[in-house]
């Protein structure tokens, strides 16, 4: 997946899950052997929406249809509870695909 690349940019934010709360902005991802850069790591959900609206950035229309966390087709559903990521992998007992672990 990341073979041949030196760096990987992600949109991970610390406010998304307890497991992401200590995510550094720049780190070395040993499993994929790349530098992992998370430029939005300190942003909040409100920061993201504010930026999108201020700069008229297009976004996925599923977000307007009640989806609160988007991933690939098999892992993306509307949330099943109060946790915005509860729709991710909801039938597998997890909220991460493993790519970022």
PDB file of N, CA and C in Angstrom:
ATOM      1  N   UNK A   1       0.817  -1.200   0.000  1.00  0.00           N
ATOM      2  CA  UNK A   1       0.000   0.000   0.000  1.00  0.00           C
ATOM      3  C   UNK A   1       0.860   1.264   0.000  1.00  0.00           C
ATOM      4  N   UNK A   2       1.840   1.314   0.877  1.00  0.00           N
ATOM      5  CA  UNK A   2       2.692   2.495   0.954  1.00  0.00           C
ATOM      6  C   UNK A   2       4.101   2.235   0.433  1.00  0.00           C
ATOM      7  N   UNK A   3       4.295   1.089  -0.182  1.00  0.00           N
ATOM      8  CA  UNK A   3       5.598   0.737  -0.731  1.00  0.00           C
ATOM      9  C   UNK A   3       6.017   1.767  -1.776  1.00  0.00           C
ATOM     10  N   UNK A   4       7.251   2.230  -1.662  1.00  0.00           N
ATOM     11  CA  UNK A   4       7.775   3.189  -2.620  1.00  0.00           C
ATOM     12  C   UNK A   4       7.593   4.637  -2.216  1.00  0.00           C
ATOM     13  N   UNK A   5       6.906   4.869  -1.109  1.00  0.00           N
ATOM     14  CA  UNK A   5       6.697   6.232  -0.623  1.00  0.00           C
ATOM     15  C   UNK A   5       7.562   6.497   0.595  1.00  0.00           C
ATOM     16  N   UNK A   6       7.982   7.742   0.762  1.00  0.00           N
ATOM     17  CA  UNK A   6       8.789   8.134   1.919  1.00  0.00           C
ATOM     18  C   UNK A   6       7.940   8.653   3.063  1.00  0.00           C
ATOM     19  N   UNK A   7       6.760   9.192   2.731  1.00  0.00           N
ATOM     20  CA  UNK A   7       5.917   9.801   3.755  1.00  0.00           C
ATOM     21  C   UNK A   7       4.450   9.485   3.490  1.00  0.00           C
ATOM     22  N   UNK A   8       3.666   9.637   4.548  1.00  0.00           N
ATOM     23  CA  UNK A   8       2.246   9.333   4.514  1.00  0.00           C
ATOM     24  C   UNK A   8       1.525  10.455   5.249  1.00  0.00           C
ATOM     25  N   UNK A   9       0.642  11.160   4.564  1.00  0.00           N
ATOM     26  CA  UNK A   9      -0.169  12.213   5.176  1.00  0.00           C
ATOM     27  C   UNK A   9      -1.513  11.633   5.571  1.00  0.00           C
ATOM     28  N   UNK A  10      -1.948  11.876   6.799  1.00  0.00           N
ATOM     29  CA  UNK A  10      -3.245  11.388   7.253  1.00  0.00           C
ATOM     30  C   UNK A  10      -4.048  12.543   7.846  1.00  0.00           C
ATOM     31  N   UNK A  11      -5.336  12.326   8.000  1.00  0.00           N
ATOM     32  CA  UNK A  11      -6.213  13.335   8.598  1.00  0.00           C
ATOM     33  C   UNK A  11      -6.609  12.960  10.024  1.00  0.00           C
ATOM     34  N   UNK A  12      -5.831  12.107  10.650  1.00  0.00           N
ATOM     35  CA  UNK A  12      -6.104  11.720  12.043  1.00  0.00           C
ATOM     36  C   UNK A  12      -6.071  12.958  12.935  1.00  0.00           C
ATOM     37  N   UNK A  13      -7.054  12.999  13.865  1.00  0.00           N
ATOM     38  CA  UNK A  13      -7.100  14.078  14.864  1.00  0.00           C
ATOM     39  C   UNK A  13      -7.124  13.466  16.257  1.00  0.00           C
ATOM     40  N   UNK A  14      -6.526  14.143  17.211  1.00  0.00           N
ATOM     41  CA  UNK A  14      -6.482  13.643  18.590  1.00  0.00           C
ATOM     42  C   UNK A  14      -7.861  13.546  19.225  1.00  0.00           C
ATOM     43  N   UNK A  15      -8.810  14.355  18.769  1.00  0.00           N
ATOM     44  CA  UNK A  15     -10.132  14.342  19.392  1.00  0.00           C
ATOM     45  C   UNK A  15     -11.031  13.217  18.881  1.00  0.00           C
ATOM     46  N   UNK A  16     -10.570  12.415  17.944  1.00  0.00           N
ATOM     47  CA  UNK A  16     -11.416  11.384  17.359  1.00  0.00           C
ATOM     48  C   UNK A  16     -11.635  10.177  18.272  1.00  0.00           C
ATOM     49  N   UNK A  17     -10.591   9.736  18.953  1.00  0.00           N
ATOM     50  CA  UNK A  17     -10.707   8.590  19.862  1.00  0.00           C
ATOM     51  C   UNK A  17      -9.701   8.741  20.990  1.00  0.00           C
ATOM     52  N   UNK A  18      -9.943   8.029  22.067  1.00  0.00           N
ATOM     53  CA  UNK A  18      -8.991   8.030  23.186  1.00  0.00           C
ATOM     54  C   UNK A  18      -7.637   7.486  22.732  1.00  0.00           C
ATOM     55  N   UNK A  19      -7.660   6.518  21.836  1.00  0.00           N
ATOM     56  CA  UNK A  19      -6.416   5.932  21.332  1.00  0.00           C
ATOM     57  C   UNK A  19      -5.597   6.872  20.463  1.00  0.00           C
ATOM     58  N   UNK A  20      -6.210   7.937  19.990  1.00  0.00           N
ATOM     59  CA  UNK A  20      -5.503   8.916  19.158  1.00  0.00           C
ATOM     60  C   UNK A  20      -5.118  10.172  19.940  1.00  0.00           C
ATOM     61  N   UNK A  21      -5.448  10.232  21.202  1.00  0.00           N
ATOM     62  CA  UNK A  21      -5.256  11.435  22.012  1.00  0.00           C
ATOM     63  C   UNK A  21      -3.799  11.896  22.107  1.00  0.00           C
ATOM     64  N   UNK A  22      -2.875  10.988  21.994  1.00  0.00           N
ATOM     65  CA  UNK A  22      -1.452  11.330  22.106  1.00  0.00           C
ATOM     66  C   UNK A  22      -0.722  11.278  20.762  1.00  0.00           C
ATOM     67  N   UNK A  23      -1.450  11.243  19.688  1.00  0.00           N
ATOM     68  CA  UNK A  23      -0.847  11.127  18.358  1.00  0.00           C
ATOM     69  C   UNK A  23       0.090  12.307  18.076  1.00  0.00           C
ATOM     70  N   UNK A  24       1.340  12.023  17.713  1.00  0.00           N
ATOM     71  CA  UNK A  24       2.251  13.108  17.353  1.00  0.00           C
ATOM     72  C   UNK A  24       1.958  13.636  15.948  1.00  0.00           C
ATOM     73  N   UNK A  25       2.391  14.848  15.688  1.00  0.00           N
ATOM     74  CA  UNK A  25       2.193  15.412  14.351  1.00  0.00           C
ATOM     75  C   UNK A  25       3.068  14.693  13.321  1.00  0.00           C
ATOM     76  N   UNK A  26       4.275  14.331  13.730  1.00  0.00           N
ATOM     77  CA  UNK A  26       5.211  13.636  12.832  1.00  0.00           C
ATOM     78  C   UNK A  26       5.806  12.460  13.600  1.00  0.00           C
ATOM     79  N   UNK A  27       5.803  11.310  12.957  1.00  0.00           N
ATOM     80  CA  UNK A  27       6.398  10.126  13.580  1.00  0.00           C
ATOM     81  C   UNK A  27       6.907   9.189  12.489  1.00  0.00           C
ATOM     82  N   UNK A  28       7.612   8.193  12.897  1.00  0.00           N
ATOM     83  CA  UNK A  28       8.084   7.148  11.980  1.00  0.00           C
ATOM     84  C   UNK A  28       7.161   5.952  12.155  1.00  0.00           C
ATOM     85  N   UNK A  29       6.500   5.531  11.098  1.00  0.00           N
ATOM     86  CA  UNK A  29       5.618   4.371  11.163  1.00  0.00           C
ATOM     87  C   UNK A  29       6.437   3.148  10.775  1.00  0.00           C
ATOM     88  N   UNK A  30       6.803   2.368  11.762  1.00  0.00           N
ATOM     89  CA  UNK A  30       7.725   1.253  11.538  1.00  0.00           C
ATOM     90  C   UNK A  30       7.119   0.165  10.652  1.00  0.00           C
ATOM     91  N   UNK A  31       5.840  -0.135  10.830  1.00  0.00           N
ATOM     92  CA  UNK A  31       5.220  -1.211  10.040  1.00  0.00           C
ATOM     93  C   UNK A  31       5.270  -0.910   8.541  1.00  0.00           C
ATOM     94  N   UNK A  32       4.996   0.335   8.185  1.00  0.00           N
ATOM     95  CA  UNK A  32       4.980   0.718   6.769  1.00  0.00           C
ATOM     96  C   UNK A  32       6.292   1.353   6.310  1.00  0.00           C
ATOM     97  N   UNK A  33       7.215   1.578   7.250  1.00  0.00           N
ATOM     98  CA  UNK A  33       8.527   2.145   6.935  1.00  0.00           C
ATOM     99  C   UNK A  33       8.424   3.488   6.214  1.00  0.00           C
ATOM    100  N   UNK A  34       7.599   4.384   6.768  1.00  0.00           N
ATOM    101  CA  UNK A  34       7.441   5.726   6.220  1.00  0.00           C
ATOM    102  C   UNK A  34       7.356   6.728   7.365  1.00  0.00           C
ATOM    103  N   UNK A  35       7.565   7.981   7.026  1.00  0.00           N
ATOM    104  CA  UNK A  35       7.298   9.061   7.967  1.00  0.00           C
ATOM    105  C   UNK A  35       5.799   9.327   7.894  1.00  0.00           C
ATOM    106  N   UNK A  36       5.148   9.328   9.041  1.00  0.00           N
ATOM    107  CA  UNK A  36       3.701   9.568   9.101  1.00  0.00           C
ATOM    108  C   UNK A  36       3.471  10.995   9.579  1.00  0.00           C
ATOM    109  N   UNK A  37       2.770  11.781   8.780  1.00  0.00           N
ATOM    110  CA  UNK A  37       2.534  13.191   9.076  1.00  0.00           C
ATOM    111  C   UNK A  37       1.031  13.411   9.250  1.00  0.00           C
ATOM    112  N   UNK A  38       0.660  13.991  10.379  1.00  0.00           N
ATOM    113  CA  UNK A  38      -0.750  14.226  10.716  1.00  0.00           C
ATOM    114  C   UNK A  38      -0.959  15.731  10.905  1.00  0.00           C
ATOM    115  N   UNK A  39      -1.087  16.495   9.825  1.00  0.00           N
ATOM    116  CA  UNK A  39      -1.142  17.955   9.944  1.00  0.00           C
ATOM    117  C   UNK A  39      -2.387  18.484  10.661  1.00  0.00           C
ATOM    118  N   UNK A  40      -3.448  17.693  10.758  1.00  0.00           N
ATOM    119  CA  UNK A  40      -4.678  18.134  11.422  1.00  0.00           C
ATOM    120  C   UNK A  40      -4.800  17.587  12.840  1.00  0.00           C
ATOM    121  N   UNK A  41      -3.729  16.996  13.357  1.00  0.00           N
ATOM    122  CA  UNK A  41      -3.783  16.273  14.624  1.00  0.00           C
ATOM    123  C   UNK A  41      -4.334  17.110  15.786  1.00  0.00           C
ATOM    124  N   UNK A  42      -4.077  18.397  15.819  1.00  0.00           N
ATOM    125  CA  UNK A  42      -4.536  19.248  16.926  1.00  0.00           C
ATOM    126  C   UNK A  42      -5.870  19.935  16.635  1.00  0.00           C
ATOM    127  N   UNK A  43      -6.423  19.713  15.457  1.00  0.00           N
ATOM    128  CA  UNK A  43      -7.701  20.327  15.100  1.00  0.00           C
ATOM    129  C   UNK A  43      -8.840  19.592  15.808  1.00  0.00           C
ATOM    130  N   UNK A  44      -9.928  20.296  16.036  1.00  0.00           N
ATOM    131  CA  UNK A  44     -11.149  19.696  16.544  1.00  0.00           C
ATOM    132  C   UNK A  44     -12.108  19.497  15.378  1.00  0.00           C
ATOM    133  N   UNK A  45     -13.197  18.789  15.631  1.00  0.00           N
ATOM    134  CA  UNK A  45     -14.210  18.631  14.587  1.00  0.00           C
ATOM    135  C   UNK A  45     -14.748  19.997  14.165  1.00  0.00           C
ATOM    136  N   UNK A  46     -14.924  20.895  15.146  1.00  0.00           N
ATOM    137  CA  UNK A  46     -15.408  22.257  14.835  1.00  0.00           C
ATOM    138  C   UNK A  46     -14.406  23.001  13.959  1.00  0.00           C
ATOM    139  N   UNK A  47     -13.115  22.814  14.202  1.00  0.00           N
ATOM    140  CA  UNK A  47     -12.088  23.438  13.357  1.00  0.00           C
ATOM    141  C   UNK A  47     -12.216  22.957  11.910  1.00  0.00           C
ATOM    142  N   UNK A  48     -12.417  21.663  11.743  1.00  0.00           N
ATOM    143  CA  UNK A  48     -12.529  21.094  10.397  1.00  0.00           C
ATOM    144  C   UNK A  48     -13.733  21.683   9.668  1.00  0.00           C
ATOM    145  N   UNK A  49     -14.910  21.640  10.324  1.00  0.00           N
ATOM    146  CA  UNK A  49     -16.118  22.164   9.682  1.00  0.00           C
ATOM    147  C   UNK A  49     -16.002  23.660   9.408  1.00  0.00           C
ATOM    148  N   UNK A  50     -15.399  24.394  10.330  1.00  0.00           N
ATOM    149  CA  UNK A  50     -15.200  25.826  10.108  1.00  0.00           C
ATOM    150  C   UNK A  50     -14.347  26.087   8.880  1.00  0.00           C
ATOM    151  N   UNK A  51     -13.267  25.334   8.745  1.00  0.00           N
ATOM    152  CA  UNK A  51     -12.385  25.481   7.584  1.00  0.00           C
ATOM    153  C   UNK A  51     -13.122  25.133   6.291  1.00  0.00           C
ATOM    154  N   UNK A  52     -13.851  24.010   6.310  1.00  0.00           N
ATOM    155  CA  UNK A  52     -14.580  23.595   5.107  1.00  0.00           C
ATOM    156  C   UNK A  52     -15.553  24.678   4.650  1.00  0.00           C
ATOM    157  N   UNK A  53     -16.302  25.222   5.592  1.00  0.00           N
ATOM    158  CA  UNK A  53     -17.293  26.239   5.229  1.00  0.00           C
ATOM    159  C   UNK A  53     -16.652  27.572   4.822  1.00  0.00           C
ATOM    160  N   UNK A  54     -15.632  27.991   5.572  1.00  0.00           N
ATOM    161  CA  UNK A  54     -14.951  29.256   5.243  1.00  0.00           C
ATOM    162  C   UNK A  54     -14.337  29.237   3.857  1.00  0.00           C
ATOM    163  N   UNK A  55     -13.771  28.104   3.485  1.00  0.00           N
ATOM    164  CA  UNK A  55     -13.043  28.009   2.216  1.00  0.00           C
ATOM    165  C   UNK A  55     -13.819  27.267   1.131  1.00  0.00           C
ATOM    166  N   UNK A  56     -15.066  26.971   1.420  1.00  0.00           N
ATOM    167  CA  UNK A  56     -15.951  26.288   0.461  1.00  0.00           C
ATOM    168  C   UNK A  56     -15.317  25.028  -0.114  1.00  0.00           C
ATOM    169  N   UNK A  57     -14.752  24.228   0.769  1.00  0.00           N
ATOM    170  CA  UNK A  57     -14.133  22.969   0.366  1.00  0.00           C
ATOM    171  C   UNK A  57     -15.229  21.918   0.198  1.00  0.00           C
ATOM    172  N   UNK A  58     -15.271  21.251  -0.943  1.00  0.00           N
ATOM    173  CA  UNK A  58     -16.272  20.191  -1.107  1.00  0.00           C
ATOM    174  C   UNK A  58     -15.992  19.047  -0.125  1.00  0.00           C
ATOM    175  N   UNK A  59     -17.038  18.387   0.321  1.00  0.00           N
ATOM    176  CA  UNK A  59     -16.878  17.255   1.226  1.00  0.00           C
ATOM    177  C   UNK A  59     -17.857  16.159   0.841  1.00  0.00           C
ATOM    178  N   UNK A  60     -17.658  14.992   1.392  1.00  0.00           N
ATOM    179  CA  UNK A  60     -18.474  13.833   1.052  1.00  0.00           C
ATOM    180  C   UNK A  60     -19.924  14.050   1.510  1.00  0.00           C
ATOM    181  N   UNK A  61     -20.894  13.926   0.606  1.00  0.00           N
ATOM    182  CA  UNK A  61     -22.305  14.158   0.965  1.00  0.00           C
ATOM    183  C   UNK A  61     -22.860  13.159   1.981  1.00  0.00           C
ATOM    184  N   UNK A  62     -22.165  12.046   2.212  1.00  0.00           N
ATOM    185  CA  UNK A  62     -22.624  11.114   3.249  1.00  0.00           C
ATOM    186  C   UNK A  62     -22.637  11.785   4.620  1.00  0.00           C
ATOM    187  N   UNK A  63     -21.779  12.774   4.808  1.00  0.00           N
ATOM    188  CA  UNK A  63     -21.738  13.483   6.092  1.00  0.00           C
ATOM    189  C   UNK A  63     -23.039  14.234   6.355  1.00  0.00           C
ATOM    190  N   UNK A  64     -23.718  14.661   5.304  1.00  0.00           N
ATOM    191  CA  UNK A  64     -25.015  15.325   5.458  1.00  0.00           C
ATOM    192  C   UNK A  64     -26.150  14.320   5.629  1.00  0.00           C
ATOM    193  N   UNK A  65     -25.857  13.051   5.454  1.00  0.00           N
ATOM    194  CA  UNK A  65     -26.872  11.998   5.563  1.00  0.00           C
ATOM    195  C   UNK A  65     -26.725  11.189   6.847  1.00  0.00           C
ATOM    196  N   UNK A  66     -26.014  11.730   7.836  1.00  0.00           N
ATOM    197  CA  UNK A  66     -25.927  11.078   9.130  1.00  0.00           C
ATOM    198  C   UNK A  66     -24.713  10.214   9.366  1.00  0.00           C
ATOM    199  N   UNK A  67     -23.839  10.106   8.371  1.00  0.00           N
ATOM    200  CA  UNK A  67     -22.595   9.370   8.565  1.00  0.00           C
ATOM    201  C   UNK A  67     -21.612  10.314   9.252  1.00  0.00           C
ATOM    202  N   UNK A  68     -20.983   9.866  10.329  1.00  0.00           N
ATOM    203  CA  UNK A  68     -20.105  10.757  11.092  1.00  0.00           C
ATOM    204  C   UNK A  68     -18.634  10.375  11.012  1.00  0.00           C
ATOM    205  N   UNK A  69     -18.332   9.222  10.428  1.00  0.00           N
ATOM    206  CA  UNK A  69     -16.956   8.782  10.262  1.00  0.00           C
ATOM    207  C   UNK A  69     -16.902   7.940   8.999  1.00  0.00           C
ATOM    208  N   UNK A  70     -16.112   8.368   8.042  1.00  0.00           N
ATOM    209  CA  UNK A  70     -16.085   7.703   6.737  1.00  0.00           C
ATOM    210  C   UNK A  70     -14.799   6.925   6.527  1.00  0.00           C
ATOM    211  N   UNK A  71     -14.958   5.766   5.953  1.00  0.00           N
ATOM    212  CA  UNK A  71     -13.825   4.924   5.593  1.00  0.00           C
ATOM    213  C   UNK A  71     -14.165   4.210   4.304  1.00  0.00           C
ATOM    214  N   UNK A  72     -13.718   2.988   4.178  1.00  0.00           N
ATOM    215  CA  UNK A  72     -14.027   2.211   2.988  1.00  0.00           C
ATOM    216  C   UNK A  72     -15.462   1.678   3.073  1.00  0.00           C
ATOM    217  N   UNK A  73     -15.957   1.139   1.981  1.00  0.00           N
ATOM    218  CA  UNK A  73     -17.349   0.678   1.920  1.00  0.00           C
ATOM    219  C   UNK A  73     -17.676  -0.358   3.004  1.00  0.00           C
ATOM    220  N   UNK A  74     -16.857  -1.401   3.208  1.00  0.00           N
ATOM    221  CA  UNK A  74     -17.267  -2.404   4.201  1.00  0.00           C
ATOM    222  C   UNK A  74     -17.279  -1.911   5.648  1.00  0.00           C
ATOM    223  N   UNK A  75     -16.593  -0.820   5.942  1.00  0.00           N
ATOM    224  CA  UNK A  75     -16.506  -0.396   7.350  1.00  0.00           C
ATOM    225  C   UNK A  75     -17.288   0.874   7.644  1.00  0.00           C
ATOM    226  N   UNK A  76     -18.025   1.416   6.718  1.00  0.00           N
ATOM    227  CA  UNK A  76     -18.697   2.695   6.933  1.00  0.00           C
ATOM    228  C   UNK A  76     -20.206   2.530   6.986  1.00  0.00           C
ATOM    229  N   UNK A  77     -20.761   2.846   8.154  1.00  0.00           N
ATOM    230  CA  UNK A  77     -22.208   2.862   8.349  1.00  0.00           C
ATOM    231  C   UNK A  77     -22.538   4.078   9.210  1.00  0.00           C
ATOM    232  N   UNK A  78     -23.812   4.394   9.305  1.00  0.00           N
ATOM    233  CA  UNK A  78     -24.217   5.454  10.230  1.00  0.00           C
ATOM    234  C   UNK A  78     -23.878   4.995  11.644  1.00  0.00           C
ATOM    235  N   UNK A  79     -23.618   5.930  12.549  1.00  0.00           N
ATOM    236  CA  UNK A  79     -23.274   5.533  13.921  1.00  0.00           C
ATOM    237  C   UNK A  79     -24.402   4.726  14.564  1.00  0.00           C
ATOM    238  N   UNK A  80     -23.997   3.780  15.403  1.00  0.00           N
ATOM    239  CA  UNK A  80     -24.960   2.921  16.092  1.00  0.00           C
ATOM    240  C   UNK A  80     -25.164   3.358  17.537  1.00  0.00           C
ATOM    241  N   UNK A  81     -24.474   4.408  17.954  1.00  0.00           N
ATOM    242  CA  UNK A  81     -24.573   4.905  19.322  1.00  0.00           C
ATOM    243  C   UNK A  81     -24.082   6.325  19.405  1.00  0.00           C
ATOM    244  N   UNK A  82     -23.781   6.767  20.624  1.00  0.00           N
ATOM    245  CA  UNK A  82     -23.340   8.147  20.845  1.00  0.00           C
ATOM    246  C   UNK A  82     -21.954   8.426  20.266  1.00  0.00           C
ATOM    247  N   UNK A  83     -21.115   7.409  20.176  1.00  0.00           N
ATOM    248  CA  UNK A  83     -19.759   7.574  19.642  1.00  0.00           C
ATOM    249  C   UNK A  83     -19.842   7.790  18.132  1.00  0.00           C
ATOM    250  N   UNK A  84     -19.322   8.921  17.623  1.00  0.00           N
ATOM    251  CA  UNK A  84     -19.388   9.184  16.178  1.00  0.00           C
ATOM    252  C   UNK A  84     -18.726   8.096  15.326  1.00  0.00           C
ATOM    253  N   UNK A  85     -17.784   7.344  15.921  1.00  0.00           N
ATOM    254  CA  UNK A  85     -17.105   6.283  15.170  1.00  0.00           C
ATOM    255  C   UNK A  85     -17.763   4.916  15.361  1.00  0.00           C
ATOM    256  N   UNK A  86     -18.910   4.865  16.025  1.00  0.00           N
ATOM    257  CA  UNK A  86     -19.562   3.582  16.298  1.00  0.00           C
ATOM    258  C   UNK A  86     -20.068   2.891  15.034  1.00  0.00           C
ATOM    259  N   UNK A  87     -20.189   3.602  13.938  1.00  0.00           N
ATOM    260  CA  UNK A  87     -20.573   2.982  12.674  1.00  0.00           C
ATOM    261  C   UNK A  87     -19.422   2.341  11.937  1.00  0.00           C
ATOM    262  N   UNK A  88     -18.212   2.610  12.368  1.00  0.00           N
ATOM    263  CA  UNK A  88     -17.022   2.026  11.736  1.00  0.00           C
ATOM    264  C   UNK A  88     -16.867   0.592  12.201  1.00  0.00           C
ATOM    265  N   UNK A  89     -16.820  -0.322  11.284  1.00  0.00           N
ATOM    266  CA  UNK A  89     -16.633  -1.742  11.578  1.00  0.00           C
ATOM    267  C   UNK A  89     -17.632  -2.214  12.635  1.00  0.00           C
ATOM    268  N   UNK A  90     -18.861  -1.686  12.599  1.00  0.00           N
ATOM    269  CA  UNK A  90     -19.834  -1.942  13.660  1.00  0.00           C
ATOM    270  C   UNK A  90     -20.161  -3.421  13.843  1.00  0.00           C
ATOM    271  N   UNK A  91     -20.021  -4.212  12.823  1.00  0.00           N
ATOM    272  CA  UNK A  91     -20.303  -5.641  12.975  1.00  0.00           C
ATOM    273  C   UNK A  91     -19.054  -6.465  13.269  1.00  0.00           C
ATOM    274  N   UNK A  92     -17.954  -5.798  13.587  1.00  0.00           N
ATOM    275  CA  UNK A  92     -16.694  -6.494  13.870  1.00  0.00           C
ATOM    276  C   UNK A  92     -16.146  -6.203  15.264  1.00  0.00           C
ATOM    277  N   UNK A  93     -16.844  -5.389  16.064  1.00  0.00           N
ATOM    278  CA  UNK A  93     -16.374  -5.097  17.414  1.00  0.00           C
ATOM    279  C   UNK A  93     -15.121  -4.249  17.469  1.00  0.00           C
ATOM    280  N   UNK A  94     -14.902  -3.433  16.461  1.00  0.00           N
ATOM    281  CA  UNK A  94     -13.740  -2.550  16.454  1.00  0.00           C
ATOM    282  C   UNK A  94     -14.109  -1.254  15.766  1.00  0.00           C
ATOM    283  N   UNK A  95     -13.256  -0.232  15.879  1.00  0.00           N
ATOM    284  CA  UNK A  95     -13.495   1.041  15.203  1.00  0.00           C
ATOM    285  C   UNK A  95     -12.317   1.447  14.326  1.00  0.00           C
ATOM    286  N   UNK A  96     -11.299   0.621  14.284  1.00  0.00           N
ATOM    287  CA  UNK A  96     -10.123   0.890  13.449  1.00  0.00           C
ATOM    288  C   UNK A  96      -9.916  -0.262  12.493  1.00  0.00           C
ATOM    289  N   UNK A  97      -9.522   0.039  11.265  1.00  0.00           N
ATOM    290  CA  UNK A  97      -9.254  -1.018  10.306  1.00  0.00           C
ATOM    291  C   UNK A  97      -7.889  -1.658  10.560  1.00  0.00           C
ATOM    292  N   UNK A  98      -7.023  -0.919  11.209  1.00  0.00           N
ATOM    293  CA  UNK A  98      -5.679  -1.425  11.472  1.00  0.00           C
ATOM    294  C   UNK A  98      -4.607  -0.691  10.716  1.00  0.00           C
ATOM    295  N   UNK A  99      -4.969   0.097   9.729  1.00  0.00           N
ATOM    296  CA  UNK A  99      -4.000   0.825   8.927  1.00  0.00           C
ATOM    297  C   UNK A  99      -3.146   1.755   9.789  1.00  0.00           C
ATOM    298  N   UNK A 100      -3.779   2.420  10.766  1.00  0.00           N
ATOM    299  CA  UNK A 100      -3.063   3.388  11.587  1.00  0.00           C
ATOM    300  C   UNK A 100      -2.463   2.802  12.858  1.00  0.00           C
ATOM    301  N   UNK A 101      -2.702   1.537  13.121  1.00  0.00           N
ATOM    302  CA  UNK A 101      -2.187   0.923  14.344  1.00  0.00           C
ATOM    303  C   UNK A 101      -0.730   0.566  14.212  1.00  0.00           C
TER     304      UNK A 101
END
